[in-house]
Amino acid sequence: MVARLVIAAPASGSGKTTVATGLMAAFTSAGLTVSPHKAGPDYIDPGYHALATGRPGRNLDAYLCGTELIAPLFAHGAAGCDLAVVEGVMGLYDGAAGAGELASTAQIAKLLRAPVVLVVDASSQSRSVAALVHGFASWDPQVRIGGVILNKVASDRHEEMLREALEESGVPVLGVLRRIQRAATPSRHLGLVPVAERRADALASVDAMAELVREGCDLEALLGLARSAPSLGAEPWEAGAASGLTTSAPPVVAVAGGPAFTFSYAEHPELLTAAGADVVTFDPLRDEQLPDGTSGLVIGGGFPEVYAPELSANEALRKAVAGLASSGAPIAAECAGLLYLARSLDGAPMCGVLDAEARMSERLTLGYREAVAVSDSALAAAGTRLNGHEFHRTVVEPAAGPAPAWGMHRPERRVEGFVQQGVHASYLHTHWASQPGMALRFVERCTR
């Protein structure tokens, strides 16, 4: 059994990331082995979690993976740990649009049988905080709110009023954080700036979060609450069992990394390795050639628009990627990878694998998607159905090639992406744990 807490809030912007990351770092520095998790599809917060704990940040998304995989994926990530901290997404009861509690923090807490700590932005209220907390605590009897952390408290008098009000709610105050900026982290159009782009400053931010939490929170009470979680009774997810294949001569699968390509789920390289691949990470900003012996290429999400001039200047690598694509080798590209394979991005030449142009847009495209594979590809057979997620402020024209990658069913019907030779390129982010056959299919194509 792993002690565990879910860090939630009434709404986005209440301070979940500061509290969750600070707790992870504070407990890690106290000698505990902490497993970091993030509810929802977000790629950026897990980077800060990994920095705080020294372990991979892992996502728990019931929409992408299905409710049946949440506890096994959690058990897989938390195996051998003293404590697991799960940062929630949006407001506690907010989930996929039009789907009830699906993919909400509340649903994750119930699936994990974990107590919830509610982080409340108290900056513009006093006695009303009790009504707010009472409402959240009583809304769903299956969600156990074990305590409150008050954030952005202005003064000792303000704290006193808040504590007096909450005495009537029956929910204990486990921490009080004051209005200060030392733990602030810079943001951009898709959220926080990823750790890979500001590692030294990110370390300082995580240290500041840890100190803020140590000063303002009752760590002993929080650990006691985490240890009150009952046995989960779930068998850990295993990448090897999901794939079920090893190869005698592992093909090299190159995975793009570095500051421009930071979006990846921790289970993807595990699935590729379990399927028999030799996974090698490279940095398209720095490396002028693909790893030796590359048989397949995975280019995930990130911020290529920020680094378009540098990516374009690395002409040797762009030519190497184009050459790999023309050979028919499997290439899986998501979002940022799609932009990198286009002819150009904001006018800067890219790899030219796809007959498409990419540019920044004023419009943010964000949300869950139901999708079906339109064309046979290195990732999926035509007709494969799965759930995915879009998260970008760019446009690719045309949006789809002669052989589209996906047909979207919700929230709108459209085709999207490109399948040509071994290339599968799309805006859609997918979690391969929900479809382990995708990694297996990809590695099998690499061995041909």
Protein backbone atom coordinates (compact mmCIF):
# COMPACT_ATOMS: atom_id res chain seq x y z
CA MET A 1 0.00 0.00 0.00
CA VAL A 2 1.27 3.46 -0.91
CA ALA A 3 0.29 6.50 1.15
CA ARG A 4 -1.33 9.00 -1.21
CA LEU A 5 -2.89 12.43 -1.51
CA VAL A 6 -4.79 14.20 -4.26
CA ILE A 7 -4.19 17.95 -4.42
CA ALA A 8 -7.32 19.64 -5.81
CA ALA A 9 -8.92 23.08 -5.92
CA PRO A 10 -12.28 24.74 -6.53
CA ALA A 11 -10.96 26.24 -9.80
CA SER A 12 -7.89 26.59 -11.99
CA GLY A 13 -5.38 29.16 -10.81
CA SER A 14 -5.86 28.41 -7.11
CA GLY A 15 -2.31 27.19 -6.56
CA LYS A 16 -2.46 23.41 -7.12
CA THR A 17 0.87 23.23 -8.94
CA THR A 18 2.68 25.27 -6.28
CA VAL A 19 1.31 23.16 -3.44
CA ALA A 20 1.66 19.77 -5.15
CA THR A 21 5.19 20.42 -6.41
CA GLY A 22 6.18 21.97 -3.08
CA LEU A 23 4.87 18.95 -1.18
CA MET A 24 6.69 16.56 -3.50
CA ALA A 25 9.96 18.42 -3.04
CA ALA A 26 9.55 18.92 0.72
CA PHE A 27 8.80 15.25 1.40
CA THR A 28 11.60 14.14 -0.93
CA SER A 29 14.12 16.34 0.88
CA ALA A 30 12.87 14.81 4.15
CA GLY A 31 14.02 11.40 2.90
CA LEU A 32 10.80 9.93 1.51
CA THR A 33 10.59 8.35 -1.93
CA VAL A 34 7.76 10.29 -3.58
CA SER A 35 5.86 9.21 -6.68
CA PRO A 36 4.58 12.23 -8.69
CA HIS A 37 1.35 12.11 -10.70
CA LYS A 38 -0.79 14.58 -12.64
CA ALA A 39 -4.50 14.17 -13.36
CA GLY A 40 -5.36 14.97 -16.96
CA PRO A 41 -3.34 15.20 -20.18
CA ASP A 42 -0.98 18.05 -19.24
CA TYR A 43 2.68 17.47 -20.16
CA ILE A 44 4.29 20.48 -18.50
CA ASP A 45 3.50 20.11 -14.79
CA PRO A 46 4.95 16.55 -14.69
CA GLY A 47 8.31 18.04 -15.67
CA TYR A 48 8.33 20.11 -12.49
CA HIS A 49 7.14 17.08 -10.52
CA ALA A 50 10.07 15.05 -11.87
CA LEU A 51 12.46 17.82 -10.87
CA ALA A 52 10.99 17.83 -7.35
CA THR A 53 11.18 14.06 -6.81
CA GLY A 54 13.86 12.67 -9.09
CA ARG A 55 11.28 10.28 -10.57
CA PRO A 56 9.30 10.40 -13.84
CA GLY A 57 6.18 12.54 -13.66
CA ARG A 58 3.22 10.40 -14.73
CA ASN A 59 -0.25 11.28 -15.99
CA LEU A 60 -3.55 9.74 -14.90
CA ASP A 61 -6.23 10.50 -17.48
CA ALA A 62 -9.45 8.50 -17.43
CA TYR A 63 -10.58 9.91 -20.78
CA LEU A 64 -7.42 8.96 -22.65
CA CYS A 65 -6.78 5.62 -20.93
CA GLY A 66 -10.16 4.52 -19.54
CA THR A 67 -11.15 4.31 -15.90
CA GLU A 68 -9.97 0.69 -15.64
CA LEU A 69 -6.32 1.69 -16.19
CA ILE A 70 -6.09 4.51 -13.63
CA ALA A 71 -5.35 2.37 -10.57
CA PRO A 72 -2.96 0.01 -12.42
CA LEU A 73 -1.02 2.93 -13.96
CA PHE A 74 -0.85 4.59 -10.54
CA ALA A 75 0.38 1.38 -8.91
CA HIS A 76 3.00 1.00 -11.65
CA GLY A 77 4.38 4.49 -11.08
CA ALA A 78 4.18 4.37 -7.28
CA ALA A 79 5.69 0.90 -6.80
CA GLY A 80 8.26 0.96 -4.00
CA CYS A 81 7.49 4.54 -2.97
CA ASP A 82 6.68 5.87 0.49
CA LEU A 83 4.20 8.47 -0.72
CA ALA A 84 2.36 9.45 -3.89
CA VAL A 85 1.13 12.98 -4.59
CA VAL A 86 -1.41 13.50 -7.38
CA GLU A 87 -1.92 17.03 -8.69
CA GLY A 88 -5.47 17.54 -9.91
CA VAL A 89 -6.72 19.27 -13.02
CA MET A 90 -8.99 22.35 -13.25
CA GLY A 91 -11.62 22.47 -10.49
CA LEU A 92 -12.20 19.36 -8.39
CA TYR A 93 -15.39 18.30 -10.19
CA ASP A 94 -14.50 19.58 -13.68
CA GLY A 95 -14.00 16.89 -16.32
CA ALA A 96 -14.44 16.21 -20.01
CA ALA A 97 -17.10 18.50 -21.46
CA GLY A 98 -20.52 16.89 -21.55
CA ALA A 99 -19.27 13.67 -19.94
CA GLY A 100 -20.19 14.14 -16.28
CA GLU A 101 -17.35 13.35 -13.89
CA LEU A 102 -15.22 11.60 -16.53
CA ALA A 103 -11.56 12.70 -16.34
CA SER A 104 -12.20 14.95 -13.34
CA THR A 105 -9.93 15.12 -10.31
CA ALA A 106 -12.85 13.85 -8.22
CA GLN A 107 -13.12 10.73 -10.36
CA ILE A 108 -9.36 10.09 -10.07
CA ALA A 109 -9.58 10.46 -6.28
CA LYS A 110 -12.41 7.92 -6.14
CA LEU A 111 -10.64 5.46 -8.41
CA LEU A 112 -7.54 5.71 -6.22
CA ARG A 113 -9.50 5.75 -2.94
CA ALA A 114 -7.34 8.71 -2.00
CA PRO A 115 -8.03 11.60 0.40
CA VAL A 116 -8.23 15.05 -1.17
CA VAL A 117 -6.56 18.23 0.02
CA LEU A 118 -8.41 21.29 -1.28
CA VAL A 119 -6.25 24.31 -2.15
CA VAL A 120 -8.39 27.43 -1.80
CA ASP A 121 -7.48 30.88 -3.12
CA ALA A 122 -8.59 32.92 -0.12
CA SER A 123 -7.42 36.28 -1.44
CA SER A 124 -10.91 37.81 -1.80
CA GLN A 125 -12.93 36.18 0.95
CA SER A 126 -13.13 35.56 4.67
CA ARG A 127 -16.14 33.79 6.24
CA SER A 128 -17.46 32.74 2.84
CA VAL A 129 -14.61 30.24 2.63
CA ALA A 130 -16.55 27.97 4.98
CA ALA A 131 -19.54 27.83 2.63
CA LEU A 132 -17.29 27.11 -0.32
CA VAL A 133 -15.44 24.28 1.44
CA HIS A 134 -18.67 22.85 2.85
CA GLY A 135 -20.16 22.76 -0.65
CA PHE A 136 -17.19 20.96 -2.16
CA ALA A 137 -16.94 18.52 0.74
CA SER A 138 -20.63 17.58 0.64
CA TRP A 139 -21.21 17.51 -3.12
CA ASP A 140 -20.10 13.89 -3.59
CA PRO A 141 -20.03 11.67 -0.47
CA GLN A 142 -17.55 9.36 -2.18
CA VAL A 143 -14.97 12.15 -2.40
CA ARG A 144 -13.19 12.48 0.93
CA ILE A 145 -11.84 15.99 1.49
CA GLY A 146 -9.41 15.48 4.32
CA GLY A 147 -8.16 19.03 4.71
CA VAL A 148 -7.74 22.51 3.26
CA ILE A 149 -4.67 24.55 2.38
CA LEU A 150 -5.44 28.28 2.26
CA ASN A 151 -3.48 30.12 -0.41
CA LYS A 152 -2.79 33.84 -0.93
CA VAL A 153 -3.65 34.79 2.64
CA ALA A 154 -3.00 38.49 3.21
CA SER A 155 -2.21 38.82 6.94
CA ASP A 156 -2.39 37.25 10.39
CA ARG A 157 -5.84 38.80 10.87
CA HIS A 158 -7.03 37.41 7.54
CA GLU A 159 -5.76 33.96 8.53
CA GLU A 160 -7.54 34.20 11.87
CA MET A 161 -10.88 35.02 10.21
CA LEU A 162 -10.49 32.14 7.74
CA ARG A 163 -9.63 29.64 10.45
CA GLU A 164 -12.59 30.74 12.60
CA ALA A 165 -14.96 30.28 9.69
CA LEU A 166 -13.60 26.86 8.78
CA GLU A 167 -13.98 25.54 12.33
CA GLU A 168 -17.70 25.27 11.55
CA SER A 169 -17.08 23.23 8.38
CA GLY A 170 -15.40 20.30 10.12
CA VAL A 171 -12.61 20.28 7.50
CA PRO A 172 -9.20 20.90 9.11
CA VAL A 173 -6.81 23.58 7.90
CA LEU A 174 -3.55 21.82 6.99
CA GLY A 175 -1.68 24.81 5.68
CA VAL A 176 -1.69 28.57 5.13
CA LEU A 177 0.36 30.19 2.37
CA ARG A 178 0.90 33.93 2.16
CA ARG A 179 0.83 36.18 -0.90
CA ILE A 180 4.41 36.11 -2.16
CA GLN A 181 6.03 35.81 -5.57
CA ARG A 182 9.20 33.85 -4.84
CA ALA A 183 7.69 30.57 -6.05
CA ALA A 184 6.32 32.03 -9.29
CA THR A 185 7.09 30.30 -12.58
CA PRO A 186 6.84 31.95 -16.02
CA SER A 187 3.98 31.01 -18.33
CA ARG A 188 3.43 31.01 -22.06
CA HIS A 189 0.53 30.42 -24.44
CA LEU A 190 0.12 26.74 -23.43
CA GLY A 191 0.88 27.04 -19.70
CA LEU A 192 4.10 27.05 -17.68
CA VAL A 193 7.41 27.20 -19.52
CA PRO A 194 8.74 23.60 -19.56
CA VAL A 195 11.59 22.58 -17.27
CA ALA A 196 13.84 21.70 -20.22
CA GLU A 197 13.87 25.34 -21.32
CA ARG A 198 14.85 26.80 -17.94
CA ARG A 199 16.36 24.02 -15.86
CA ALA A 200 18.45 26.16 -13.49
CA ASP A 201 15.63 28.63 -12.89
CA ALA A 202 13.14 25.75 -12.61
CA LEU A 203 15.26 24.18 -9.86
CA ALA A 204 15.16 27.48 -7.99
CA SER A 205 11.37 27.66 -8.45
CA VAL A 206 10.92 24.12 -7.10
CA ASP A 207 13.17 24.91 -4.13
CA ALA A 208 11.06 28.01 -3.42
CA MET A 209 7.84 25.97 -3.61
CA ALA A 210 9.30 23.44 -1.17
CA GLU A 211 10.31 26.16 1.28
CA LEU A 212 6.89 27.82 1.01
CA VAL A 213 5.17 24.53 1.79
CA ARG A 214 7.54 23.68 4.64
CA GLU A 215 6.90 27.07 6.26
CA GLY A 216 3.13 27.10 5.80
CA CYS A 217 1.92 23.50 5.91
CA ASP A 218 1.62 20.83 8.58
CA LEU A 219 3.67 18.14 6.83
CA GLU A 220 3.15 15.65 9.64
CA ALA A 221 -0.63 15.99 9.43
CA LEU A 222 -0.54 15.76 5.63
CA LEU A 223 1.55 12.60 5.77
CA GLY A 224 -0.83 11.15 8.34
CA LEU A 225 -3.76 11.91 6.04
CA ALA A 226 -1.96 10.25 3.12
CA ARG A 227 -1.31 7.15 5.24
CA SER A 228 -5.00 6.90 6.07
CA ALA A 229 -5.77 5.85 2.48
CA PRO A 230 -7.01 2.25 2.36
CA SER A 231 -5.41 -0.54 0.34
CA LEU A 232 -5.90 0.03 -3.37
CA GLY A 233 -6.00 -3.61 -4.40
CA ALA A 234 -4.82 -3.00 -7.99
CA GLU A 235 -2.22 -4.96 -9.92
CA PRO A 236 0.42 -2.63 -11.38
CA TRP A 237 0.30 -2.02 -15.11
CA GLU A 238 3.20 -3.63 -16.96
CA ALA A 239 4.49 -2.43 -20.30
CA GLY A 240 5.90 -5.85 -21.12
CA ALA A 241 2.65 -7.66 -20.41
CA ALA A 242 0.78 -5.11 -22.52
CA SER A 243 3.08 -5.54 -25.52
CA GLY A 244 3.93 -9.21 -25.25
CA LEU A 245 6.77 -9.21 -27.79
CA THR A 246 10.54 -8.95 -27.76
CA THR A 247 12.84 -9.01 -30.77
CA SER A 248 16.22 -10.69 -31.05
CA ALA A 249 17.85 -7.67 -32.72
CA PRO A 250 16.37 -4.52 -31.13
CA PRO A 251 15.72 -1.80 -33.71
CA VAL A 252 16.86 1.68 -32.75
CA VAL A 253 13.91 4.02 -32.23
CA ALA A 254 15.05 7.64 -32.03
CA VAL A 255 12.89 9.86 -29.80
CA ALA A 256 13.10 13.64 -30.16
CA GLY A 257 13.80 15.49 -26.92
CA GLY A 258 15.42 18.69 -25.73
CA PRO A 259 13.74 22.06 -25.18
CA ALA A 260 11.71 22.02 -28.43
CA PHE A 261 10.12 18.59 -27.89
CA THR A 262 9.19 18.14 -24.23
CA PHE A 263 5.72 16.57 -24.48
CA SER A 264 5.74 12.82 -23.90
CA TYR A 265 4.04 10.38 -21.55
CA ALA A 266 6.40 8.31 -19.40
CA GLU A 267 4.81 5.05 -20.51
CA HIS A 268 5.59 5.55 -24.23
CA PRO A 269 9.33 4.75 -24.10
CA GLU A 270 8.53 1.94 -21.65
CA LEU A 271 6.12 0.43 -24.17
CA LEU A 272 8.61 0.83 -27.02
CA THR A 273 11.32 -0.85 -24.95
CA ALA A 274 8.97 -3.67 -23.94
CA ALA A 275 8.08 -4.20 -27.60
CA GLY A 276 11.76 -4.80 -28.34
CA ALA A 277 13.12 -1.38 -29.33
CA ASP A 278 16.37 0.26 -28.31
CA VAL A 279 15.07 3.74 -27.43
CA VAL A 280 17.59 6.54 -27.94
CA THR A 281 16.78 10.20 -27.21
CA PHE A 282 18.29 13.00 -29.30
CA ASP A 283 17.96 16.80 -29.39
CA PRO A 284 16.96 18.33 -32.77
CA LEU A 285 18.32 21.68 -31.61
CA ARG A 286 21.80 20.28 -31.05
CA ASP A 287 22.35 16.96 -32.82
CA GLU A 288 23.12 17.16 -36.52
CA GLN A 289 22.41 13.49 -37.23
CA LEU A 290 19.95 10.87 -36.06
CA PRO A 291 21.27 8.24 -33.64
CA ASP A 292 23.34 5.53 -35.30
CA GLY A 293 21.25 2.77 -36.81
CA THR A 294 17.92 4.60 -36.47
CA SER A 295 15.10 2.39 -37.78
CA GLY A 296 12.18 4.48 -36.57
CA LEU A 297 11.51 7.98 -35.27
CA VAL A 298 9.11 9.37 -32.68
CA ILE A 299 8.64 13.16 -32.52
CA GLY A 300 6.25 14.21 -29.77
CA GLY A 301 4.80 17.54 -28.78
CA GLY A 302 6.42 20.70 -27.54
CA PHE A 303 7.20 24.23 -28.67
CA PRO A 304 8.92 24.14 -32.08
CA GLU A 305 7.37 27.54 -32.83
CA VAL A 306 9.61 29.04 -30.14
CA TYR A 307 12.69 27.43 -31.68
CA ALA A 308 11.79 27.60 -35.39
CA PRO A 309 14.96 29.53 -36.41
CA GLU A 310 17.26 27.11 -34.54
CA LEU A 311 15.46 24.02 -35.86
CA SER A 312 15.63 25.44 -39.36
CA ALA A 313 19.33 26.25 -39.02
CA ASN A 314 20.09 22.57 -38.27
CA GLU A 315 19.89 21.71 -41.96
CA ALA A 316 21.89 18.50 -41.62
CA LEU A 317 19.35 16.97 -39.26
CA ARG A 318 16.39 18.18 -41.33
CA LYS A 319 17.88 16.39 -44.33
CA ALA A 320 18.50 13.26 -42.27
CA VAL A 321 14.86 13.20 -41.14
CA ALA A 322 13.66 13.73 -44.71
CA GLY A 323 15.92 10.92 -45.87
CA LEU A 324 14.59 8.56 -43.22
CA ALA A 325 11.03 9.40 -44.25
CA SER A 326 11.75 8.81 -47.94
CA SER A 327 13.15 5.38 -47.08
CA GLY A 328 9.74 4.35 -45.76
CA ALA A 329 10.91 3.99 -42.15
CA PRO A 330 8.20 4.39 -39.49
CA ILE A 331 7.84 7.94 -38.15
CA ALA A 332 5.25 8.88 -35.51
CA ALA A 333 4.81 12.63 -35.14
CA GLU A 334 2.39 14.37 -32.74
CA CYS A 335 1.61 18.08 -32.78
CA ALA A 336 5.10 19.63 -32.59
CA GLY A 337 6.36 16.68 -34.62
CA LEU A 338 3.74 17.45 -37.26
CA LEU A 339 5.01 21.04 -37.52
CA TYR A 340 8.63 19.86 -37.76
CA LEU A 341 7.80 17.56 -40.68
CA ALA A 342 6.02 20.34 -42.63
CA ARG A 343 7.69 22.38 -45.38
CA SER A 344 7.94 25.43 -43.15
CA LEU A 345 6.93 26.86 -39.79
CA ASP A 346 6.24 30.59 -39.68
CA GLY A 347 8.28 30.89 -42.88
CA ALA A 348 11.32 28.99 -41.55
CA PRO A 349 12.16 25.85 -43.58
CA MET A 350 11.48 22.59 -41.76
CA CYS A 351 11.99 18.99 -42.87
CA GLY A 352 9.74 19.14 -45.92
CA VAL A 353 8.43 15.61 -45.43
CA LEU A 354 4.81 16.81 -45.63
CA ASP A 355 3.33 18.99 -48.35
CA ALA A 356 2.00 21.47 -45.82
CA GLU A 357 2.78 24.82 -44.22
CA ALA A 358 2.56 25.56 -40.49
CA ARG A 359 2.11 28.86 -38.70
CA MET A 360 1.20 30.34 -35.34
CA SER A 361 -2.45 31.26 -34.81
CA GLU A 362 -4.41 33.51 -32.48
CA ARG A 363 -6.80 30.65 -31.76
CA LEU A 364 -6.14 28.08 -29.04
CA THR A 365 -7.30 24.59 -30.00
CA LEU A 366 -7.86 22.61 -26.82
CA GLY A 367 -9.94 19.63 -25.82
CA TYR A 368 -10.55 15.91 -25.80
CA ARG A 369 -11.34 14.13 -29.05
CA GLU A 370 -12.93 10.85 -30.10
CA ALA A 371 -11.05 9.57 -33.12
CA VAL A 372 -10.87 6.67 -35.56
CA ALA A 373 -7.88 5.80 -37.75
CA VAL A 374 -8.83 6.60 -41.36
CA SER A 375 -5.75 5.08 -43.03
CA ASP A 376 -3.52 2.12 -42.27
CA SER A 377 -0.28 3.41 -40.76
CA ALA A 378 2.78 2.42 -38.76
CA LEU A 379 0.80 3.26 -35.61
CA ALA A 380 -2.70 1.92 -36.17
CA ALA A 381 -4.80 -0.15 -38.52
CA ALA A 382 -7.65 1.65 -40.27
CA GLY A 383 -10.73 1.52 -38.06
CA THR A 384 -8.84 1.69 -34.76
CA ARG A 385 -10.81 3.81 -32.30
CA LEU A 386 -9.32 5.76 -29.42
CA ASN A 387 -9.58 8.94 -27.40
CA GLY A 388 -7.05 11.72 -27.77
CA HIS A 389 -6.36 15.33 -26.90
CA GLU A 390 -5.52 18.47 -28.88
CA PHE A 391 -3.54 21.34 -27.40
CA HIS A 392 -1.99 23.88 -29.78
CA ARG A 393 -2.02 27.45 -31.00
CA THR A 394 -0.80 26.70 -34.50
CA VAL A 395 -2.41 25.84 -37.85
CA VAL A 396 -1.26 23.44 -40.56
CA GLU A 397 -2.52 24.00 -44.11
CA PRO A 398 -3.86 21.75 -45.48
CA ALA A 399 -5.16 20.15 -42.30
CA ALA A 400 -5.08 16.66 -43.83
CA GLY A 401 -3.28 14.86 -46.61
CA PRO A 402 -4.69 12.53 -49.32
CA ALA A 403 -4.57 9.77 -46.70
CA PRO A 404 -5.66 11.41 -43.41
CA ALA A 405 -4.49 10.06 -40.07
CA TRP A 406 -7.66 10.45 -37.99
CA GLY A 407 -11.34 11.04 -38.38
CA MET A 408 -12.68 13.09 -35.46
CA HIS A 409 -16.18 12.42 -34.12
CA ARG A 410 -16.38 14.87 -31.21
CA PRO A 411 -16.76 17.78 -30.77
CA GLU A 412 -16.91 18.09 -34.57
CA ARG A 413 -16.67 15.74 -37.53
CA ARG A 414 -13.54 16.24 -39.63
CA VAL A 415 -10.45 14.46 -40.90
CA GLU A 416 -6.99 15.47 -39.80
CA GLY A 417 -3.34 14.54 -40.18
CA PHE A 418 -1.17 12.76 -42.73
CA VAL A 419 -0.27 9.15 -43.52
CA GLN A 420 2.30 8.61 -46.26
CA GLN A 421 4.79 5.76 -46.61
CA GLY A 422 5.87 5.11 -43.00
CA VAL A 423 4.87 8.53 -41.68
CA HIS A 424 1.95 9.09 -39.29
CA ALA A 425 1.69 12.81 -38.44
CA SER A 426 -1.16 14.48 -36.58
CA TYR A 427 -2.09 17.12 -34.03
CA LEU A 428 -3.77 14.45 -31.88
CA HIS A 429 -1.98 13.49 -28.66
CA THR A 430 -2.63 9.89 -27.65
CA HIS A 431 -1.72 7.79 -24.64
CA TRP A 432 -0.33 4.49 -25.88
CA ALA A 433 -1.12 2.65 -22.65
CA SER A 434 -4.74 2.66 -23.81
CA GLN A 435 -3.67 1.02 -27.09
CA PRO A 436 -0.46 -0.94 -26.37
CA GLY A 437 -0.74 -2.47 -29.82
CA MET A 438 0.33 0.89 -31.27
CA ALA A 439 3.84 0.64 -29.80
CA LEU A 440 4.04 -3.02 -30.78
CA ARG A 441 2.91 -2.28 -34.35
CA PHE A 442 5.43 0.57 -34.63
CA VAL A 443 8.37 -1.56 -33.45
CA GLU A 444 7.35 -4.44 -35.72
CA ARG A 445 7.43 -2.03 -38.69
CA CYS A 446 10.91 -0.90 -37.58
CA THR A 447 12.20 -4.46 -37.81
CA ARG A 448 11.17 -4.88 -41.46
